[in-house]
Amino acid sequence: MIAYALAVPSLRRLAITRSCRKDVPDLTFADMNRSLSLLLLFLLPVAFCAAGCTKKAPSIEWVDPQKVTQGPIIHPKLSDEQLTRISRLQQTFKDADPMPLAKWIEDFSRDQDPDREIKIWEGMALPYEQFLAKHTLSPQGKKDAFQVVMLRSGASAEEAMRHLKLQELTENDAREILSSYQEAPEPIRIYNK
């Protein structure tokens, strides 16, 4: 099943795949409490493989990420190119997600496929930067814009709109951001035993 998780901003960077195989370590969401200070909760898609890892089509539901725990670092050394890309992303989103670069790198090191996640974040960065270039936003406005791209990274524009909890931006602002989001939704994948 695909599950949508109630999550904080840095969730998209976290290790999120659990394996159905006993010889592969379980990976889950990382350290949810560290981002609670942002006071922003987002809904993010999470894909699950049911108990038998059957080849059935995934279904969709919303899941509370507080019920999952941090997984191990899978990639202790990321490439120089990956580090450069992560640094750019951290700079892009620093006003909405103020975690230090070292934490961003650690979170990407926990991903099963860091390049896939970096690409998703780069897809989020483009509409976020385009909107910020056209509008002067307060810190809360930037967090709202971040919420829009975060939700859209794993769900359709319509689904993202249904789950937005905007504090400063309007629905029209959100639709403007969503209209420039070009990537397909990429749910976060978790495989259950």
Protein backbone atom coordinates (compact mmCIF):
# COMPACT_ATOMS: atom_id res chain seq x y z
CA MET A 1 0.00 0.00 0.00
CA ILE A 2 1.07 3.59 -0.44
CA ALA A 3 0.62 5.54 2.76
CA TYR A 4 0.64 9.27 3.27
CA ALA A 5 2.53 10.31 6.38
CA LEU A 6 1.89 13.28 8.61
CA ALA A 7 5.40 14.65 8.62
CA VAL A 8 7.75 17.54 9.29
CA PRO A 9 9.74 19.36 6.59
CA SER A 10 12.92 17.36 6.70
CA LEU A 11 11.09 14.05 6.31
CA ARG A 12 11.64 13.88 2.55
CA ARG A 13 15.40 13.50 3.21
CA LEU A 14 15.05 10.59 5.59
CA ALA A 15 15.81 6.92 5.16
CA ILE A 16 12.46 5.39 4.50
CA THR A 17 12.71 1.97 2.97
CA ARG A 18 12.03 -1.16 4.95
CA SER A 19 12.86 -4.48 3.39
CA CYS A 20 10.72 -7.59 3.19
CA ARG A 21 13.89 -9.68 3.17
CA LYS A 22 15.37 -10.75 6.50
CA ASP A 23 18.95 -10.21 5.27
CA VAL A 24 18.40 -6.51 4.51
CA PRO A 25 18.27 -4.10 7.47
CA ASP A 26 15.08 -2.19 8.22
CA LEU A 27 15.18 1.53 7.44
CA THR A 28 12.64 4.00 8.67
CA PHE A 29 12.01 7.72 9.14
CA ALA A 30 14.76 9.56 10.96
CA ASP A 31 14.53 11.67 14.11
CA MET A 32 11.15 13.34 13.70
CA ASN A 33 11.49 15.40 16.90
CA ARG A 34 14.40 17.50 15.61
CA SER A 35 12.16 19.39 13.20
CA LEU A 36 9.14 19.89 15.42
CA SER A 37 10.50 23.31 16.31
CA LEU A 38 9.47 24.43 12.81
CA LEU A 39 5.85 23.94 13.90
CA LEU A 40 4.97 22.80 10.40
CA LEU A 41 3.34 19.48 9.81
CA PHE A 42 3.07 18.14 6.29
CA LEU A 43 1.44 15.17 4.71
CA LEU A 44 3.82 13.13 2.63
CA PRO A 45 3.23 10.01 0.65
CA VAL A 46 4.88 6.81 1.80
CA ALA A 47 4.74 3.60 -0.20
CA PHE A 48 4.50 0.31 1.66
CA CYS A 49 4.95 -3.25 0.49
CA ALA A 50 2.56 -5.48 2.44
CA ALA A 51 3.64 -8.47 4.54
CA GLY A 52 4.28 -10.86 1.67
CA CYS A 53 5.76 -8.28 -0.70
CA THR A 54 3.24 -9.37 -3.28
CA LYS A 55 3.16 -7.74 -6.68
CA LYS A 56 -0.27 -6.19 -6.09
CA ALA A 57 -0.69 -2.54 -7.01
CA PRO A 58 -0.06 -0.25 -4.05
CA SER A 59 -2.97 1.37 -2.24
CA ILE A 60 -2.93 4.78 -0.57
CA GLU A 61 -3.41 5.78 3.06
CA TRP A 62 -2.09 8.45 5.46
CA VAL A 63 0.36 7.41 8.19
CA ASP A 64 1.73 9.16 11.29
CA PRO A 65 5.56 9.16 10.98
CA GLN A 66 5.87 9.41 14.76
CA LYS A 67 5.25 5.66 14.72
CA VAL A 68 8.47 4.98 12.81
CA THR A 69 12.05 5.23 14.05
CA GLN A 70 15.37 6.35 12.60
CA GLY A 71 17.21 3.89 10.39
CA PRO A 72 20.95 3.40 9.90
CA ILE A 73 23.29 5.24 7.57
CA ILE A 74 23.48 3.21 4.37
CA HIS A 75 25.91 5.38 2.43
CA PRO A 76 28.66 6.54 4.83
CA LYS A 77 30.36 8.49 2.03
CA LEU A 78 28.41 10.42 -0.57
CA SER A 79 30.10 11.54 -3.78
CA ASP A 80 31.45 15.06 -4.22
CA GLU A 81 28.72 15.72 -6.79
CA GLN A 82 26.02 14.55 -4.35
CA LEU A 83 27.49 16.74 -1.60
CA THR A 84 27.49 19.78 -3.91
CA ARG A 85 23.86 19.18 -4.87
CA ILE A 86 22.83 18.68 -1.22
CA SER A 87 24.62 21.89 -0.25
CA ARG A 88 22.68 23.80 -2.93
CA LEU A 89 19.41 22.33 -1.64
CA GLN A 90 20.23 23.21 1.95
CA GLN A 91 20.91 26.81 0.88
CA THR A 92 17.68 26.93 -1.13
CA PHE A 93 15.50 25.72 1.74
CA LYS A 94 17.44 27.11 4.73
CA ASP A 95 14.70 29.60 5.65
CA ALA A 96 12.03 26.87 5.75
CA ASP A 97 14.21 24.03 7.10
CA PRO A 98 17.11 25.50 9.09
CA MET A 99 18.90 22.21 9.76
CA PRO A 100 22.67 22.50 9.28
CA LEU A 101 24.30 21.07 6.19
CA ALA A 102 25.82 18.19 8.19
CA LYS A 103 22.31 17.02 9.15
CA TRP A 104 21.11 17.26 5.55
CA ILE A 105 24.06 15.12 4.47
CA GLU A 106 23.41 12.61 7.25
CA ASP A 107 19.76 12.32 6.25
CA PHE A 108 20.60 11.71 2.59
CA SER A 109 23.17 9.13 3.71
CA ARG A 110 20.28 7.16 5.22
CA ASP A 111 18.38 6.96 1.93
CA GLN A 112 18.33 3.73 -0.04
CA ASP A 113 18.83 5.76 -3.22
CA PRO A 114 20.30 9.21 -2.43
CA ASP A 115 20.36 10.26 -6.09
CA ARG A 116 16.60 9.63 -6.41
CA GLU A 117 15.90 11.72 -3.31
CA ILE A 118 18.26 14.51 -4.39
CA LYS A 119 16.48 14.64 -7.75
CA ILE A 120 13.11 14.90 -5.98
CA TRP A 121 14.42 17.76 -3.83
CA GLU A 122 15.79 19.50 -6.92
CA GLY A 123 12.32 19.18 -8.46
CA MET A 124 10.94 20.87 -5.34
CA ALA A 125 13.56 23.63 -5.44
CA LEU A 126 12.67 24.97 -8.89
CA PRO A 127 9.04 26.05 -8.21
CA TYR A 128 10.00 27.17 -4.69
CA GLU A 129 12.76 29.46 -6.04
CA GLN A 130 10.55 30.71 -8.88
CA PHE A 131 7.82 31.71 -6.44
CA LEU A 132 10.26 33.38 -4.05
CA ALA A 133 11.80 35.33 -6.94
CA LYS A 134 8.38 36.85 -7.75
CA HIS A 135 7.14 37.47 -4.22
CA THR A 136 8.62 39.02 -1.10
CA LEU A 137 7.74 36.56 1.67
CA SER A 138 7.99 36.58 5.42
CA PRO A 139 9.62 33.57 7.12
CA GLN A 140 6.13 32.05 7.54
CA GLY A 141 5.36 32.64 3.87
CA LYS A 142 8.52 30.75 2.93
CA LYS A 143 7.48 27.89 5.21
CA ASP A 144 4.08 27.82 3.53
CA ALA A 145 5.72 27.75 0.08
CA PHE A 146 7.96 24.93 1.28
CA GLN A 147 4.91 23.04 2.55
CA VAL A 148 3.36 23.29 -0.92
CA VAL A 149 6.36 21.81 -2.73
CA MET A 150 6.91 19.23 0.01
CA LEU A 151 3.38 17.91 -0.32
CA ARG A 152 3.51 18.04 -4.10
CA SER A 153 6.75 16.05 -4.17
CA GLY A 154 4.80 12.93 -3.30
CA ALA A 155 1.22 13.61 -4.29
CA SER A 156 -0.81 15.11 -7.09
CA ALA A 157 -1.54 18.82 -7.07
CA GLU A 158 -5.15 18.09 -6.10
CA GLU A 159 -4.11 15.84 -3.20
CA ALA A 160 -1.56 18.40 -2.05
CA MET A 161 -4.20 21.14 -2.06
CA ARG A 162 -6.52 19.01 0.08
CA HIS A 163 -3.87 18.61 2.79
CA LEU A 164 -2.30 22.07 2.89
CA LYS A 165 -2.35 23.92 6.21
CA LEU A 166 -1.36 27.38 5.00
CA GLN A 167 -0.86 30.10 7.58
CA GLU A 168 0.03 33.05 5.38
CA LEU A 169 -0.12 32.16 1.70
CA THR A 170 -3.47 31.94 -0.04
CA GLU A 171 -4.87 29.02 -2.01
CA ASN A 172 -4.16 31.04 -5.16
CA ASP A 173 -0.52 31.37 -4.09
CA ALA A 174 -0.37 27.60 -3.57
CA ARG A 175 -1.90 26.98 -6.98
CA GLU A 176 0.70 29.30 -8.55
CA ILE A 177 3.49 27.24 -6.97
CA LEU A 178 1.85 23.97 -7.98
CA SER A 179 1.44 25.16 -11.58
CA SER A 180 5.22 25.38 -11.94
CA TYR A 181 5.91 21.98 -10.33
CA GLN A 182 6.86 19.77 -13.28
CA GLU A 183 7.95 16.47 -11.73
CA ALA A 184 5.68 13.46 -11.25
CA PRO A 185 4.73 12.64 -7.66
CA GLU A 186 7.28 10.34 -6.01
CA PRO A 187 5.79 8.72 -2.90
CA ILE A 188 8.18 7.79 -0.12
CA ARG A 189 8.60 4.01 -0.24
CA ILE A 190 8.55 1.81 2.83
CA TYR A 191 8.60 -1.97 2.61
CA ASN A 192 7.09 -3.82 5.56
CA LYS A 193 8.00 -7.30 6.69
